[in-house]
Amino acid sequence: MLIDFIDTLFKVYSWMLIIYILLSWFPVNRYHPAVRLLRDMTEPYLDLFRRFIPPVGMVDFSPIIAFFVLDLIRRGVLSFLSRMLGGY
């Protein structure tokens, strides 16, 4: 049950990243509360990767690496919890 909850949190955060990245392709009101919430929740994580992976032309590849790392963290956390709680 805890493992499912943690997995769901990772999935929700992944969807937040996807939505925020897609919104960056369109002209949106950056001051809308939903957009600000997405920005406040995702930019700190994305900025970790933008420091090391500069954009190539107009394309920012850092979200791809961010998703890859997030999935590795998710797998590690779920594996750890599975071992600690005795199965999944």
PDB file of N, CA and C in Angstrom:
ATOM      1  N   MET A   1       0.818  -1.188   0.000  1.00  0.00           N
ATOM      2  CA  MET A   1       0.000   0.000   0.000  1.00  0.00           C
ATOM      3  C   MET A   1       0.867   1.260   0.000  1.00  0.00           C
ATOM      4  N   LEU A   2       1.868   1.327   0.868  1.00  0.00           N
ATOM      5  CA  LEU A   2       2.790   2.461   0.884  1.00  0.00           C
ATOM      6  C   LEU A   2       3.551   2.532  -0.436  1.00  0.00           C
ATOM      7  N   ILE A   3       3.951   1.383  -0.937  1.00  0.00           N
ATOM      8  CA  ILE A   3       4.696   1.339  -2.193  1.00  0.00           C
ATOM      9  C   ILE A   3       3.843   1.883  -3.333  1.00  0.00           C
ATOM     10  N   ASP A   4       2.576   1.497  -3.376  1.00  0.00           N
ATOM     11  CA  ASP A   4       1.676   2.007  -4.409  1.00  0.00           C
ATOM     12  C   ASP A   4       1.503   3.522  -4.304  1.00  0.00           C
ATOM     13  N   PHE A   5       1.404   4.027  -3.078  1.00  0.00           N
ATOM     14  CA  PHE A   5       1.254   5.455  -2.858  1.00  0.00           C
ATOM     15  C   PHE A   5       2.486   6.214  -3.354  1.00  0.00           C
ATOM     16  N   ILE A   6       3.675   5.728  -3.003  1.00  0.00           N
ATOM     17  CA  ILE A   6       4.927   6.368  -3.433  1.00  0.00           C
ATOM     18  C   ILE A   6       5.044   6.315  -4.953  1.00  0.00           C
ATOM     19  N   ASP A   7       4.699   5.178  -5.544  1.00  0.00           N
ATOM     20  CA  ASP A   7       4.732   5.045  -7.000  1.00  0.00           C
ATOM     21  C   ASP A   7       3.777   6.047  -7.651  1.00  0.00           C
ATOM     22  N   THR A   8       2.612   6.223  -7.079  1.00  0.00           N
ATOM     23  CA  THR A   8       1.638   7.185  -7.609  1.00  0.00           C
ATOM     24  C   THR A   8       2.176   8.610  -7.516  1.00  0.00           C
ATOM     25  N   LEU A   9       2.858   8.931  -6.423  1.00  0.00           N
ATOM     26  CA  LEU A   9       3.452  10.265  -6.294  1.00  0.00           C
ATOM     27  C   LEU A   9       4.475  10.523  -7.401  1.00  0.00           C
ATOM     28  N   PHE A  10       5.304   9.527  -7.693  1.00  0.00           N
ATOM     29  CA  PHE A  10       6.274   9.670  -8.784  1.00  0.00           C
ATOM     30  C   PHE A  10       5.558   9.853 -10.120  1.00  0.00           C
ATOM     31  N   LYS A  11       4.491   9.120 -10.350  1.00  0.00           N
ATOM     32  CA  LYS A  11       3.743   9.253 -11.603  1.00  0.00           C
ATOM     33  C   LYS A  11       3.094  10.626 -11.729  1.00  0.00           C
ATOM     34  N   VAL A  12       2.531  11.119 -10.637  1.00  0.00           N
ATOM     35  CA  VAL A  12       1.919  12.451 -10.656  1.00  0.00           C
ATOM     36  C   VAL A  12       2.983  13.506 -10.963  1.00  0.00           C
ATOM     37  N   TYR A  13       4.146  13.387 -10.346  1.00  0.00           N
ATOM     38  CA  TYR A  13       5.213  14.356 -10.607  1.00  0.00           C
ATOM     39  C   TYR A  13       5.681  14.273 -12.058  1.00  0.00           C
ATOM     40  N   SER A  14       5.754  13.073 -12.598  1.00  0.00           N
ATOM     41  CA  SER A  14       6.137  12.921 -14.005  1.00  0.00           C
ATOM     42  C   SER A  14       5.134  13.615 -14.914  1.00  0.00           C
ATOM     43  N   TRP A  15       3.853  13.469 -14.615  1.00  0.00           N
ATOM     44  CA  TRP A  15       2.820  14.143 -15.409  1.00  0.00           C
ATOM     45  C   TRP A  15       2.906  15.657 -15.248  1.00  0.00           C
ATOM     46  N   MET A  16       3.246  16.110 -14.062  1.00  0.00           N
ATOM     47  CA  MET A  16       3.427  17.550 -13.867  1.00  0.00           C
ATOM     48  C   MET A  16       4.568  18.067 -14.744  1.00  0.00           C
ATOM     49  N   LEU A  17       5.649  17.302 -14.820  1.00  0.00           N
ATOM     50  CA  LEU A  17       6.762  17.688 -15.690  1.00  0.00           C
ATOM     51  C   LEU A  17       6.328  17.727 -17.149  1.00  0.00           C
ATOM     52  N   ILE A  18       5.613  16.705 -17.588  1.00  0.00           N
ATOM     53  CA  ILE A  18       5.169  16.648 -18.980  1.00  0.00           C
ATOM     54  C   ILE A  18       4.278  17.841 -19.309  1.00  0.00           C
ATOM     55  N   ILE A  19       3.320  18.122 -18.447  1.00  0.00           N
ATOM     56  CA  ILE A  19       2.403  19.235 -18.703  1.00  0.00           C
ATOM     57  C   ILE A  19       3.157  20.560 -18.728  1.00  0.00           C
ATOM     58  N   TYR A  20       4.064  20.759 -17.798  1.00  0.00           N
ATOM     59  CA  TYR A  20       4.823  22.006 -17.761  1.00  0.00           C
ATOM     60  C   TYR A  20       5.685  22.169 -19.013  1.00  0.00           C
ATOM     61  N   ILE A  21       6.310  21.093 -19.430  1.00  0.00           N
ATOM     62  CA  ILE A  21       7.149  21.155 -20.626  1.00  0.00           C
ATOM     63  C   ILE A  21       6.293  21.451 -21.859  1.00  0.00           C
ATOM     64  N   LEU A  22       5.145  20.802 -21.973  1.00  0.00           N
ATOM     65  CA  LEU A  22       4.257  21.076 -23.109  1.00  0.00           C
ATOM     66  C   LEU A  22       3.747  22.514 -23.080  1.00  0.00           C
ATOM     67  N   LEU A  23       3.445  23.031 -21.902  1.00  0.00           N
ATOM     68  CA  LEU A  23       2.984  24.420 -21.804  1.00  0.00           C
ATOM     69  C   LEU A  23       4.056  25.404 -22.265  1.00  0.00           C
ATOM     70  N   SER A  24       5.315  25.018 -22.139  1.00  0.00           N
ATOM     71  CA  SER A  24       6.387  25.919 -22.558  1.00  0.00           C
ATOM     72  C   SER A  24       6.422  26.107 -24.075  1.00  0.00           C
ATOM     73  N   TRP A  25       5.734  25.253 -24.810  1.00  0.00           N
ATOM     74  CA  TRP A  25       5.689  25.367 -26.266  1.00  0.00           C
ATOM     75  C   TRP A  25       4.614  26.334 -26.753  1.00  0.00           C
ATOM     76  N   PHE A  26       3.725  26.749 -25.860  1.00  0.00           N
ATOM     77  CA  PHE A  26       2.584  27.568 -26.250  1.00  0.00           C
ATOM     78  C   PHE A  26       2.572  28.862 -25.445  1.00  0.00           C
ATOM     79  N   PRO A  27       1.979  29.900 -26.030  1.00  0.00           N
ATOM     80  CA  PRO A  27       1.853  31.138 -25.252  1.00  0.00           C
ATOM     81  C   PRO A  27       0.755  30.975 -24.195  1.00  0.00           C
ATOM     82  N   VAL A  28       1.152  30.974 -22.950  1.00  0.00           N
ATOM     83  CA  VAL A  28       0.199  30.834 -21.849  1.00  0.00           C
ATOM     84  C   VAL A  28       0.434  31.973 -20.864  1.00  0.00           C
ATOM     85  N   ASN A  29      -0.544  32.218 -20.049  1.00  0.00           N
ATOM     86  CA  ASN A  29      -0.433  33.224 -19.003  1.00  0.00           C
ATOM     87  C   ASN A  29       0.459  32.666 -17.895  1.00  0.00           C
ATOM     88  N   ARG A  30       1.681  33.130 -17.820  1.00  0.00           N
ATOM     89  CA  ARG A  30       2.651  32.626 -16.837  1.00  0.00           C
ATOM     90  C   ARG A  30       2.245  32.943 -15.398  1.00  0.00           C
ATOM     91  N   TYR A  31       1.282  33.860 -15.247  1.00  0.00           N
ATOM     92  CA  TYR A  31       0.853  34.252 -13.903  1.00  0.00           C
ATOM     93  C   TYR A  31      -0.405  33.524 -13.451  1.00  0.00           C
ATOM     94  N   HIS A  32      -0.913  32.642 -14.297  1.00  0.00           N
ATOM     95  CA  HIS A  32      -2.079  31.850 -13.899  1.00  0.00           C
ATOM     96  C   HIS A  32      -1.659  30.947 -12.733  1.00  0.00           C
ATOM     97  N   PRO A  33      -2.509  30.814 -11.711  1.00  0.00           N
ATOM     98  CA  PRO A  33      -2.114  30.019 -10.529  1.00  0.00           C
ATOM     99  C   PRO A  33      -1.704  28.581 -10.852  1.00  0.00           C
ATOM    100  N   ALA A  34      -2.365  27.943 -11.803  1.00  0.00           N
ATOM    101  CA  ALA A  34      -2.004  26.553 -12.149  1.00  0.00           C
ATOM    102  C   ALA A  34      -0.626  26.498 -12.799  1.00  0.00           C
ATOM    103  N   VAL A  35      -0.331  27.466 -13.666  1.00  0.00           N
ATOM    104  CA  VAL A  35       0.979  27.498 -14.331  1.00  0.00           C
ATOM    105  C   VAL A  35       2.060  27.815 -13.311  1.00  0.00           C
ATOM    106  N   ARG A  36       1.781  28.740 -12.404  1.00  0.00           N
ATOM    107  CA  ARG A  36       2.758  29.055 -11.360  1.00  0.00           C
ATOM    108  C   ARG A  36       3.022  27.865 -10.455  1.00  0.00           C
ATOM    109  N   LEU A  37       1.980  27.114 -10.125  1.00  0.00           N
ATOM    110  CA  LEU A  37       2.157  25.923  -9.297  1.00  0.00           C
ATOM    111  C   LEU A  37       3.043  24.898 -10.007  1.00  0.00           C
ATOM    112  N   LEU A  38       2.763  24.657 -11.286  1.00  0.00           N
ATOM    113  CA  LEU A  38       3.593  23.723 -12.056  1.00  0.00           C
ATOM    114  C   LEU A  38       5.037  24.200 -12.110  1.00  0.00           C
ATOM    115  N   ARG A  39       5.216  25.498 -12.368  1.00  0.00           N
ATOM    116  CA  ARG A  39       6.569  26.050 -12.439  1.00  0.00           C
ATOM    117  C   ARG A  39       7.292  25.891 -11.099  1.00  0.00           C
ATOM    118  N   ASP A  40       6.604  26.247 -10.012  1.00  0.00           N
ATOM    119  CA  ASP A  40       7.228  26.159  -8.692  1.00  0.00           C
ATOM    120  C   ASP A  40       7.564  24.727  -8.292  1.00  0.00           C
ATOM    121  N   MET A  41       6.791  23.778  -8.776  1.00  0.00           N
ATOM    122  CA  MET A  41       7.017  22.372  -8.426  1.00  0.00           C
ATOM    123  C   MET A  41       8.050  21.693  -9.318  1.00  0.00           C
ATOM    124  N   THR A  42       8.220  22.158 -10.551  1.00  0.00           N
ATOM    125  CA  THR A  42       9.077  21.437 -11.502  1.00  0.00           C
ATOM    126  C   THR A  42      10.393  22.137 -11.826  1.00  0.00           C
ATOM    127  N   GLU A  43      10.397  23.459 -11.812  1.00  0.00           N
ATOM    128  CA  GLU A  43      11.620  24.174 -12.205  1.00  0.00           C
ATOM    129  C   GLU A  43      12.834  23.852 -11.336  1.00  0.00           C
ATOM    130  N   PRO A  44      12.700  23.750 -10.017  1.00  0.00           N
ATOM    131  CA  PRO A  44      13.908  23.415  -9.243  1.00  0.00           C
ATOM    132  C   PRO A  44      14.541  22.092  -9.686  1.00  0.00           C
ATOM    133  N   TYR A  45      13.717  21.099  -9.977  1.00  0.00           N
ATOM    134  CA  TYR A  45      14.243  19.809 -10.425  1.00  0.00           C
ATOM    135  C   TYR A  45      14.855  19.937 -11.820  1.00  0.00           C
ATOM    136  N   LEU A  46      14.157  20.598 -12.738  1.00  0.00           N
ATOM    137  CA  LEU A  46      14.677  20.753 -14.097  1.00  0.00           C
ATOM    138  C   LEU A  46      15.953  21.598 -14.119  1.00  0.00           C
ATOM    139  N   ASP A  47      16.031  22.597 -13.245  1.00  0.00           N
ATOM    140  CA  ASP A  47      17.225  23.450 -13.200  1.00  0.00           C
ATOM    141  C   ASP A  47      18.483  22.682 -12.819  1.00  0.00           C
ATOM    142  N   LEU A  48      18.328  21.621 -12.033  1.00  0.00           N
ATOM    143  CA  LEU A  48      19.496  20.785 -11.703  1.00  0.00           C
ATOM    144  C   LEU A  48      20.160  20.261 -12.974  1.00  0.00           C
ATOM    145  N   PHE A  49      19.364  19.908 -13.956  1.00  0.00           N
ATOM    146  CA  PHE A  49      19.887  19.333 -15.193  1.00  0.00           C
ATOM    147  C   PHE A  49      20.276  20.407 -16.197  1.00  0.00           C
ATOM    148  N   ARG A  50      19.596  21.526 -16.169  1.00  0.00           N
ATOM    149  CA  ARG A  50      19.926  22.624 -17.089  1.00  0.00           C
ATOM    150  C   ARG A  50      21.293  23.218 -16.784  1.00  0.00           C
ATOM    151  N   ARG A  51      21.749  23.081 -15.552  1.00  0.00           N
ATOM    152  CA  ARG A  51      23.090  23.576 -15.200  1.00  0.00           C
ATOM    153  C   ARG A  51      24.180  22.819 -15.947  1.00  0.00           C
ATOM    154  N   PHE A  52      23.942  21.536 -16.206  1.00  0.00           N
ATOM    155  CA  PHE A  52      24.964  20.686 -16.802  1.00  0.00           C
ATOM    156  C   PHE A  52      24.721  20.374 -18.275  1.00  0.00           C
ATOM    157  N   ILE A  53      23.485  20.538 -18.727  1.00  0.00           N
ATOM    158  CA  ILE A  53      23.143  20.205 -20.111  1.00  0.00           C
ATOM    159  C   ILE A  53      22.583  21.459 -20.776  1.00  0.00           C
ATOM    160  N   PRO A  54      23.434  22.193 -21.472  1.00  0.00           N
ATOM    161  CA  PRO A  54      22.949  23.412 -22.115  1.00  0.00           C
ATOM    162  C   PRO A  54      22.067  23.077 -23.320  1.00  0.00           C
ATOM    163  N   PRO A  55      21.161  23.994 -23.682  1.00  0.00           N
ATOM    164  CA  PRO A  55      20.332  23.759 -24.870  1.00  0.00           C
ATOM    165  C   PRO A  55      21.193  23.698 -26.129  1.00  0.00           C
ATOM    166  N   VAL A  56      20.752  22.908 -27.076  1.00  0.00           N
ATOM    167  CA  VAL A  56      21.408  22.819 -28.379  1.00  0.00           C
ATOM    168  C   VAL A  56      20.509  23.576 -29.348  1.00  0.00           C
ATOM    169  N   GLY A  57      20.929  24.767 -29.703  1.00  0.00           N
ATOM    170  CA  GLY A  57      20.078  25.620 -30.529  1.00  0.00           C
ATOM    171  C   GLY A  57      18.853  26.015 -29.714  1.00  0.00           C
ATOM    172  N   MET A  58      17.684  25.685 -30.235  1.00  0.00           N
ATOM    173  CA  MET A  58      16.430  25.998 -29.547  1.00  0.00           C
ATOM    174  C   MET A  58      15.880  24.795 -28.790  1.00  0.00           C
ATOM    175  N   VAL A  59      16.633  23.696 -28.761  1.00  0.00           N
ATOM    176  CA  VAL A  59      16.143  22.457 -28.155  1.00  0.00           C
ATOM    177  C   VAL A  59      16.828  22.223 -26.811  1.00  0.00           C
ATOM    178  N   ASP A  60      16.002  22.017 -25.787  1.00  0.00           N
ATOM    179  CA  ASP A  60      16.500  21.744 -24.439  1.00  0.00           C
ATOM    180  C   ASP A  60      16.353  20.240 -24.169  1.00  0.00           C
ATOM    181  N   PHE A  61      17.486  19.544 -24.102  1.00  0.00           N
ATOM    182  CA  PHE A  61      17.470  18.104 -23.879  1.00  0.00           C
ATOM    183  C   PHE A  61      17.468  17.732 -22.392  1.00  0.00           C
ATOM    184  N   SER A  62      17.594  18.702 -21.521  1.00  0.00           N
ATOM    185  CA  SER A  62      17.672  18.396 -20.090  1.00  0.00           C
ATOM    186  C   SER A  62      16.424  17.680 -19.549  1.00  0.00           C
ATOM    187  N   PRO A  63      15.205  17.955 -20.037  1.00  0.00           N
ATOM    188  CA  PRO A  63      14.059  17.200 -19.523  1.00  0.00           C
ATOM    189  C   PRO A  63      14.145  15.697 -19.793  1.00  0.00           C
ATOM    190  N   ILE A  64      14.773  15.305 -20.881  1.00  0.00           N
ATOM    191  CA  ILE A  64      14.919  13.884 -21.181  1.00  0.00           C
ATOM    192  C   ILE A  64      15.767  13.216 -20.105  1.00  0.00           C
ATOM    193  N   ILE A  65      16.878  13.855 -19.761  1.00  0.00           N
ATOM    194  CA  ILE A  65      17.743  13.323 -18.711  1.00  0.00           C
ATOM    195  C   ILE A  65      17.022  13.377 -17.367  1.00  0.00           C
ATOM    196  N   ALA A  66      16.252  14.440 -17.141  1.00  0.00           N
ATOM    197  CA  ALA A  66      15.502  14.567 -15.890  1.00  0.00           C
ATOM    198  C   ALA A  66      14.511  13.419 -15.726  1.00  0.00           C
ATOM    199  N   PHE A  67      13.817  13.046 -16.817  1.00  0.00           N
ATOM    200  CA  PHE A  67      12.891  11.915 -16.752  1.00  0.00           C
ATOM    201  C   PHE A  67      13.631  10.605 -16.485  1.00  0.00           C
ATOM    202  N   PHE A  68      14.764  10.427 -17.137  1.00  0.00           N
ATOM    203  CA  PHE A  68      15.560   9.218 -16.951  1.00  0.00           C
ATOM    204  C   PHE A  68      16.003   9.094 -15.489  1.00  0.00           C
ATOM    205  N   VAL A  69      16.516  10.181 -14.912  1.00  0.00           N
ATOM    206  CA  VAL A  69      16.975  10.165 -13.527  1.00  0.00           C
ATOM    207  C   VAL A  69      15.799   9.967 -12.572  1.00  0.00           C
ATOM    208  N   LEU A  70      14.670  10.625 -12.853  1.00  0.00           N
ATOM    209  CA  LEU A  70      13.493  10.454 -12.004  1.00  0.00           C
ATOM    210  C   LEU A  70      13.044   8.992 -11.995  1.00  0.00           C
ATOM    211  N   ASP A  71      13.096   8.345 -13.155  1.00  0.00           N
ATOM    212  CA  ASP A  71      12.711   6.930 -13.209  1.00  0.00           C
ATOM    213  C   ASP A  71      13.701   6.059 -12.439  1.00  0.00           C
ATOM    214  N   LEU A  72      14.998   6.373 -12.530  1.00  0.00           N
ATOM    215  CA  LEU A  72      15.990   5.622 -11.752  1.00  0.00           C
ATOM    216  C   LEU A  72      15.756   5.791 -10.251  1.00  0.00           C
ATOM    217  N   ILE A  73      15.447   7.019  -9.842  1.00  0.00           N
ATOM    218  CA  ILE A  73      15.166   7.264  -8.424  1.00  0.00           C
ATOM    219  C   ILE A  73      13.912   6.499  -8.005  1.00  0.00           C
ATOM    220  N   ARG A  74      12.882   6.551  -8.839  1.00  0.00           N
ATOM    221  CA  ARG A  74      11.632   5.843  -8.529  1.00  0.00           C
ATOM    222  C   ARG A  74      11.886   4.353  -8.359  1.00  0.00           C
ATOM    223  N   ARG A  75      12.623   3.771  -9.292  1.00  0.00           N
ATOM    224  CA  ARG A  75      12.923   2.336  -9.203  1.00  0.00           C
ATOM    225  C   ARG A  75      13.728   2.007  -7.956  1.00  0.00           C
ATOM    226  N   GLY A  76      14.708   2.858  -7.643  1.00  0.00           N
ATOM    227  CA  GLY A  76      15.522   2.632  -6.454  1.00  0.00           C
ATOM    228  C   GLY A  76      14.713   2.722  -5.169  1.00  0.00           C
ATOM    229  N   VAL A  77      13.872   3.743  -5.088  1.00  0.00           N
ATOM    230  CA  VAL A  77      13.048   3.914  -3.884  1.00  0.00           C
ATOM    231  C   VAL A  77      12.079   2.755  -3.738  1.00  0.00           C
ATOM    232  N   LEU A  78      11.420   2.372  -4.829  1.00  0.00           N
ATOM    233  CA  LEU A  78      10.454   1.267  -4.759  1.00  0.00           C
ATOM    234  C   LEU A  78      11.132  -0.052  -4.432  1.00  0.00           C
ATOM    235  N   SER A  79      12.321  -0.267  -4.988  1.00  0.00           N
ATOM    236  CA  SER A  79      13.062  -1.487  -4.684  1.00  0.00           C
ATOM    237  C   SER A  79      13.468  -1.515  -3.207  1.00  0.00           C
ATOM    238  N   PHE A  80      13.943  -0.392  -2.721  1.00  0.00           N
ATOM    239  CA  PHE A  80      14.334  -0.291  -1.314  1.00  0.00           C
ATOM    240  C   PHE A  80      13.137  -0.551  -0.401  1.00  0.00           C
ATOM    241  N   LEU A  81      12.023   0.098  -0.688  1.00  0.00           N
ATOM    242  CA  LEU A  81      10.825  -0.090   0.132  1.00  0.00           C
ATOM    243  C   LEU A  81      10.320  -1.524   0.054  1.00  0.00           C
ATOM    244  N   SER A  82      10.425  -2.106  -1.118  1.00  0.00           N
ATOM    245  CA  SER A  82       9.986  -3.486  -1.289  1.00  0.00           C
ATOM    246  C   SER A  82      10.791  -4.425  -0.409  1.00  0.00           C
ATOM    247  N   ARG A  83      12.118  -4.209  -0.376  1.00  0.00           N
ATOM    248  CA  ARG A  83      12.970  -5.049   0.466  1.00  0.00           C
ATOM    249  C   ARG A  83      12.719  -4.793   1.947  1.00  0.00           C
ATOM    250  N   MET A  84      12.493  -3.538   2.296  1.00  0.00           N
ATOM    251  CA  MET A  84      12.281  -3.191   3.710  1.00  0.00           C
ATOM    252  C   MET A  84      10.932  -3.688   4.220  1.00  0.00           C
ATOM    253  N   LEU A  85       9.929  -3.682   3.342  1.00  0.00           N
ATOM    254  CA  LEU A  85       8.594  -4.058   3.771  1.00  0.00           C
ATOM    255  C   LEU A  85       8.272  -5.513   3.466  1.00  0.00           C
ATOM    256  N   GLY A  86       9.184  -6.204   2.821  1.00  0.00           N
ATOM    257  CA  GLY A  86       9.016  -7.639   2.621  1.00  0.00           C
ATOM    258  C   GLY A  86       8.221  -8.058   1.410  1.00  0.00           C
ATOM    259  N   GLY A  87       8.403  -7.374   0.324  1.00  0.00           N
ATOM    260  CA  GLY A  87       7.789  -7.835  -0.916  1.00  0.00           C
ATOM    261  C   GLY A  87       6.892  -6.819  -1.577  1.00  0.00           C
ATOM    262  N   TYR A  88       6.789  -7.000  -2.877  1.00  0.00           N
ATOM    263  CA  TYR A  88       5.929  -6.133  -3.682  1.00  0.00           C
ATOM    264  C   TYR A  88       5.440  -6.893  -4.870  1.00  0.00           C
TER     265      TYR A  88
END
